[in-house]
Amino acid sequence: MTTPISILQKYSIHLEVTCLAAFAGAFLFRSTYSYSEEIIIISLSALSGIYFLMTYVPRASQNEEGQNDDNQKGMLGLLGSTIAPKIISIGSSVTVIGILFAIEQWNGFREMILIGSSSLTGAVVVLLSSFGNESLRVKFIPLLYRAVPLLAIGFYLLKIYGISTPR
């Protein structure tokens, strides 16, 4: 039986690339194309929704032989294999919405970028500290490919616009 989450897991990379391509095209042709602002809003909102829904994708804890892949036990194993990927997905979603608000010059973008980037920073540090296991390293590289550029963009926007609102 296929569930919506399994369909999302199967096609998430295609949806993510489509949203990023639509955003890039609309952002490049923002001054010449009349509907580019709407495409930017739709593509970044959809990308944020994809990142948020990826939080609910269950992690595969057993390999083909039925053995447990996660050798780490205890709190660090729980943080590295379960909690950190969920925080990265939610932090990515909040950061993308903050970037959307910054592009559109809407209020509240500083707070969203600050919350999203700080949660991404903490989760990336926890995830990197639990990289002693090879299977975890291979499994979570796509999360880092997503989180590190968003983290850099978020910190760059905070540097440009500042953390506090101008008075």
C-alpha atoms as a PDB file:
ATOM      1  CA  MET A   1       0.000   0.000   0.000  1.00  0.00           C
ATOM      2  CA  THR A   2       1.370   3.371  -0.971  1.00  0.00           C
ATOM      3  CA  THR A   3       0.935   6.212   1.452  1.00  0.00           C
ATOM      4  CA  PRO A   4       1.304   9.917   0.645  1.00  0.00           C
ATOM      5  CA  ILE A   5       4.539  10.010   2.635  1.00  0.00           C
ATOM      6  CA  SER A   6       6.041   7.128   0.630  1.00  0.00           C
ATOM      7  CA  ILE A   7       5.085   8.906  -2.596  1.00  0.00           C
ATOM      8  CA  LEU A   8       6.687  12.094  -1.268  1.00  0.00           C
ATOM      9  CA  GLN A   9       9.815  10.149  -0.333  1.00  0.00           C
ATOM     10  CA  LYS A  10       9.993   8.660  -3.819  1.00  0.00           C
ATOM     11  CA  TYR A  11       9.530  11.932  -5.728  1.00  0.00           C
ATOM     12  CA  SER A  12      10.928  14.481  -3.242  1.00  0.00           C
ATOM     13  CA  ILE A  13      14.168  15.098  -5.126  1.00  0.00           C
ATOM     14  CA  HIS A  14      12.269  15.747  -8.360  1.00  0.00           C
ATOM     15  CA  LEU A  15       9.862  18.118  -6.615  1.00  0.00           C
ATOM     16  CA  GLU A  16      12.739  19.882  -4.891  1.00  0.00           C
ATOM     17  CA  VAL A  17      14.675  20.395  -8.137  1.00  0.00           C
ATOM     18  CA  THR A  18      11.515  21.598  -9.920  1.00  0.00           C
ATOM     19  CA  CYS A  19      10.802  24.152  -7.196  1.00  0.00           C
ATOM     20  CA  LEU A  20      14.408  25.364  -7.188  1.00  0.00           C
ATOM     21  CA  ALA A  21      14.454  25.671 -10.988  1.00  0.00           C
ATOM     22  CA  ALA A  22      11.174  27.589 -11.005  1.00  0.00           C
ATOM     23  CA  PHE A  23      12.491  29.907  -8.299  1.00  0.00           C
ATOM     24  CA  ALA A  24      15.797  30.485 -10.103  1.00  0.00           C
ATOM     25  CA  GLY A  25      14.082  31.234 -13.403  1.00  0.00           C
ATOM     26  CA  ALA A  26      11.556  33.586 -11.859  1.00  0.00           C
ATOM     27  CA  PHE A  27      14.208  35.346  -9.795  1.00  0.00           C
ATOM     28  CA  LEU A  28      16.452  35.889 -12.832  1.00  0.00           C
ATOM     29  CA  PHE A  29      13.628  37.236 -14.991  1.00  0.00           C
ATOM     30  CA  ARG A  30      11.941  39.188 -12.195  1.00  0.00           C
ATOM     31  CA  SER A  31      12.186  42.529 -13.949  1.00  0.00           C
ATOM     32  CA  THR A  32      10.953  41.374 -17.365  1.00  0.00           C
ATOM     33  CA  TYR A  33       8.329  38.728 -16.604  1.00  0.00           C
ATOM     34  CA  SER A  34       5.073  40.015 -15.097  1.00  0.00           C
ATOM     35  CA  TYR A  35       4.179  36.873 -13.120  1.00  0.00           C
ATOM     36  CA  SER A  36       7.618  36.269 -11.635  1.00  0.00           C
ATOM     37  CA  GLU A  37       6.651  37.400  -8.115  1.00  0.00           C
ATOM     38  CA  GLU A  38       3.829  34.853  -8.018  1.00  0.00           C
ATOM     39  CA  ILE A  39       6.143  32.099  -9.276  1.00  0.00           C
ATOM     40  CA  ILE A  40       8.695  32.998  -6.594  1.00  0.00           C
ATOM     41  CA  ILE A  41       6.027  32.829  -3.896  1.00  0.00           C
ATOM     42  CA  ILE A  42       4.589  29.534  -5.139  1.00  0.00           C
ATOM     43  CA  SER A  43       7.954  27.837  -5.705  1.00  0.00           C
ATOM     44  CA  LEU A  44       9.467  28.804  -2.338  1.00  0.00           C
ATOM     45  CA  SER A  45       6.242  27.972  -0.494  1.00  0.00           C
ATOM     46  CA  ALA A  46       6.124  24.560  -2.162  1.00  0.00           C
ATOM     47  CA  LEU A  47       9.805  23.989  -1.375  1.00  0.00           C
ATOM     48  CA  SER A  48       9.167  24.856   2.259  1.00  0.00           C
ATOM     49  CA  GLY A  49       6.218  22.472   2.334  1.00  0.00           C
ATOM     50  CA  ILE A  50       8.337  19.671   0.864  1.00  0.00           C
ATOM     51  CA  TYR A  51      11.034  20.241   3.494  1.00  0.00           C
ATOM     52  CA  PHE A  52       8.456  20.248   6.276  1.00  0.00           C
ATOM     53  CA  LEU A  53       6.746  17.083   5.045  1.00  0.00           C
ATOM     54  CA  MET A  54      10.095  15.305   4.791  1.00  0.00           C
ATOM     55  CA  THR A  55      10.121  15.443   8.595  1.00  0.00           C
ATOM     56  CA  TYR A  56       7.458  12.742   8.611  1.00  0.00           C
ATOM     57  CA  VAL A  57       9.297  10.318   6.352  1.00  0.00           C
ATOM     58  CA  PRO A  58      10.255   7.349   8.523  1.00  0.00           C
ATOM     59  CA  ARG A  59      13.907   6.462   8.648  1.00  0.00           C
ATOM     60  CA  ALA A  60      14.983   3.001   7.597  1.00  0.00           C
ATOM     61  CA  SER A  61      16.561   1.472  10.671  1.00  0.00           C
ATOM     62  CA  GLN A  62      17.301  -1.957   9.235  1.00  0.00           C
ATOM     63  CA  ASN A  63      19.346  -3.012   6.254  1.00  0.00           C
ATOM     64  CA  GLU A  64      18.488  -5.796   3.801  1.00  0.00           C
ATOM     65  CA  GLU A  65      19.625  -8.553   6.186  1.00  0.00           C
ATOM     66  CA  GLY A  66      17.335  -7.272   8.936  1.00  0.00           C
ATOM     67  CA  GLN A  67      20.207  -6.026  11.069  1.00  0.00           C
ATOM     68  CA  ASN A  68      20.154  -2.675  12.762  1.00  0.00           C
ATOM     69  CA  ASP A  69      22.223  -0.072  10.865  1.00  0.00           C
ATOM     70  CA  ASP A  70      22.583   2.308  13.780  1.00  0.00           C
ATOM     71  CA  ASN A  71      25.440   1.107  15.963  1.00  0.00           C
ATOM     72  CA  GLN A  72      25.273   4.066  18.310  1.00  0.00           C
ATOM     73  CA  LYS A  73      23.159   3.692  21.398  1.00  0.00           C
ATOM     74  CA  GLY A  74      21.988   6.187  23.936  1.00  0.00           C
ATOM     75  CA  MET A  75      21.272   9.864  23.682  1.00  0.00           C
ATOM     76  CA  LEU A  76      23.861  10.683  21.001  1.00  0.00           C
ATOM     77  CA  GLY A  77      22.484   7.937  18.776  1.00  0.00           C
ATOM     78  CA  LEU A  78      18.958   9.268  19.278  1.00  0.00           C
ATOM     79  CA  LEU A  79      20.047  12.835  18.562  1.00  0.00           C
ATOM     80  CA  GLY A  80      22.116  11.945  15.509  1.00  0.00           C
ATOM     81  CA  SER A  81      19.808   9.456  13.868  1.00  0.00           C
ATOM     82  CA  THR A  82      16.324  10.700  14.748  1.00  0.00           C
ATOM     83  CA  ILE A  83      16.067  14.186  16.201  1.00  0.00           C
ATOM     84  CA  ALA A  84      18.716  16.077  14.191  1.00  0.00           C
ATOM     85  CA  PRO A  85      17.287  15.121  10.751  1.00  0.00           C
ATOM     86  CA  LYS A  86      13.823  16.253  11.856  1.00  0.00           C
ATOM     87  CA  ILE A  87      15.190  19.554  13.157  1.00  0.00           C
ATOM     88  CA  ILE A  88      17.108  20.040   9.895  1.00  0.00           C
ATOM     89  CA  SER A  89      13.925  19.501   7.870  1.00  0.00           C
ATOM     90  CA  ILE A  90      11.863  21.900   9.989  1.00  0.00           C
ATOM     91  CA  GLY A  91      14.705  24.453  10.174  1.00  0.00           C
ATOM     92  CA  SER A  92      15.110  24.280   6.392  1.00  0.00           C
ATOM     93  CA  SER A  93      11.409  24.932   5.973  1.00  0.00           C
ATOM     94  CA  VAL A  94      11.460  27.956   8.292  1.00  0.00           C
ATOM     95  CA  THR A  95      14.606  29.328   6.631  1.00  0.00           C
ATOM     96  CA  VAL A  96      13.083  29.029   3.141  1.00  0.00           C
ATOM     97  CA  ILE A  97       9.979  30.934   4.287  1.00  0.00           C
ATOM     98  CA  GLY A  98      12.269  33.565   5.846  1.00  0.00           C
ATOM     99  CA  ILE A  99      14.138  33.865   2.534  1.00  0.00           C
ATOM    100  CA  LEU A 100      10.794  34.258   0.752  1.00  0.00           C
ATOM    101  CA  PHE A 101       9.802  37.014   3.175  1.00  0.00           C
ATOM    102  CA  ALA A 102      13.190  38.727   2.666  1.00  0.00           C
ATOM    103  CA  ILE A 103      12.867  38.640  -1.133  1.00  0.00           C
ATOM    104  CA  GLU A 104       9.336  40.019  -0.981  1.00  0.00           C
ATOM    105  CA  GLN A 105      10.280  42.618   1.683  1.00  0.00           C
ATOM    106  CA  TRP A 106       7.603  41.385   4.115  1.00  0.00           C
ATOM    107  CA  ASN A 107       7.781  41.870   7.876  1.00  0.00           C
ATOM    108  CA  GLY A 108       9.043  39.021  10.048  1.00  0.00           C
ATOM    109  CA  PHE A 109      11.796  37.700   7.807  1.00  0.00           C
ATOM    110  CA  ARG A 110      14.576  38.432  10.321  1.00  0.00           C
ATOM    111  CA  GLU A 111      12.917  36.367  13.012  1.00  0.00           C
ATOM    112  CA  MET A 112      12.229  33.435  10.688  1.00  0.00           C
ATOM    113  CA  ILE A 113      15.743  33.426   9.258  1.00  0.00           C
ATOM    114  CA  LEU A 114      17.231  33.710  12.746  1.00  0.00           C
ATOM    115  CA  ILE A 115      15.142  30.842  14.149  1.00  0.00           C
ATOM    116  CA  GLY A 116      15.653  28.641  11.075  1.00  0.00           C
ATOM    117  CA  SER A 117      19.389  29.263  10.798  1.00  0.00           C
ATOM    118  CA  SER A 118      20.049  28.766  14.503  1.00  0.00           C
ATOM    119  CA  SER A 119      18.126  25.485  14.541  1.00  0.00           C
ATOM    120  CA  LEU A 120      19.989  24.380  11.395  1.00  0.00           C
ATOM    121  CA  THR A 121      23.310  25.224  13.049  1.00  0.00           C
ATOM    122  CA  GLY A 122      22.552  23.184  16.149  1.00  0.00           C
ATOM    123  CA  ALA A 123      21.240  20.220  14.191  1.00  0.00           C
ATOM    124  CA  VAL A 124      24.182  20.212  11.769  1.00  0.00           C
ATOM    125  CA  VAL A 125      26.640  20.235  14.691  1.00  0.00           C
ATOM    126  CA  VAL A 126      24.823  17.306  16.346  1.00  0.00           C
ATOM    127  CA  LEU A 127      24.624  15.440  13.042  1.00  0.00           C
ATOM    128  CA  LEU A 128      28.321  15.951  12.325  1.00  0.00           C
ATOM    129  CA  SER A 129      29.237  14.761  15.819  1.00  0.00           C
ATOM    130  CA  SER A 130      27.399  11.486  15.239  1.00  0.00           C
ATOM    131  CA  PHE A 131      29.156  10.733  11.931  1.00  0.00           C
ATOM    132  CA  GLY A 132      31.223   7.901  13.385  1.00  0.00           C
ATOM    133  CA  ASN A 133      28.871   5.404  11.767  1.00  0.00           C
ATOM    134  CA  GLU A 134      29.366   4.940   8.007  1.00  0.00           C
ATOM    135  CA  SER A 135      25.701   4.126   7.336  1.00  0.00           C
ATOM    136  CA  LEU A 136      24.586   7.312   9.089  1.00  0.00           C
ATOM    137  CA  ARG A 137      27.121   9.316   7.104  1.00  0.00           C
ATOM    138  CA  VAL A 138      25.818   8.024   3.775  1.00  0.00           C
ATOM    139  CA  LYS A 139      22.199   8.379   4.820  1.00  0.00           C
ATOM    140  CA  PHE A 140      22.407  11.998   5.994  1.00  0.00           C
ATOM    141  CA  ILE A 141      24.658  13.559   3.318  1.00  0.00           C
ATOM    142  CA  PRO A 142      21.581  14.748   1.329  1.00  0.00           C
ATOM    143  CA  LEU A 143      20.356  16.553   4.452  1.00  0.00           C
ATOM    144  CA  LEU A 144      23.666  18.363   4.720  1.00  0.00           C
ATOM    145  CA  TYR A 145      23.568  19.273   1.025  1.00  0.00           C
ATOM    146  CA  ARG A 146      20.255  20.953   1.769  1.00  0.00           C
ATOM    147  CA  ALA A 147      21.063  22.476   5.162  1.00  0.00           C
ATOM    148  CA  VAL A 148      24.502  24.007   4.617  1.00  0.00           C
ATOM    149  CA  PRO A 149      23.558  26.255   1.634  1.00  0.00           C
ATOM    150  CA  LEU A 150      20.379  27.376   3.416  1.00  0.00           C
ATOM    151  CA  LEU A 151      22.451  28.098   6.500  1.00  0.00           C
ATOM    152  CA  ALA A 152      24.894  30.191   4.459  1.00  0.00           C
ATOM    153  CA  ILE A 153      22.075  32.109   2.734  1.00  0.00           C
ATOM    154  CA  GLY A 154      20.335  32.694   6.055  1.00  0.00           C
ATOM    155  CA  PHE A 155      23.462  34.048   7.731  1.00  0.00           C
ATOM    156  CA  TYR A 156      24.240  36.176   4.674  1.00  0.00           C
ATOM    157  CA  LEU A 157      20.775  37.748   4.765  1.00  0.00           C
ATOM    158  CA  LEU A 158      21.107  38.353   8.498  1.00  0.00           C
ATOM    159  CA  LYS A 159      24.446  40.046   7.863  1.00  0.00           C
ATOM    160  CA  ILE A 160      22.959  42.291   5.176  1.00  0.00           C
ATOM    161  CA  TYR A 161      19.720  43.237   6.928  1.00  0.00           C
ATOM    162  CA  GLY A 162      20.883  42.921  10.520  1.00  0.00           C
ATOM    163  CA  ILE A 163      19.348  40.895  13.304  1.00  0.00           C
ATOM    164  CA  SER A 164      17.260  43.628  14.898  1.00  0.00           C
ATOM    165  CA  THR A 165      14.672  45.686  13.099  1.00  0.00           C
ATOM    166  CA  PRO A 166      15.619  49.298  12.332  1.00  0.00           C
ATOM    167  CA  ARG A 167      13.887  51.884  14.510  1.00  0.00           C
END
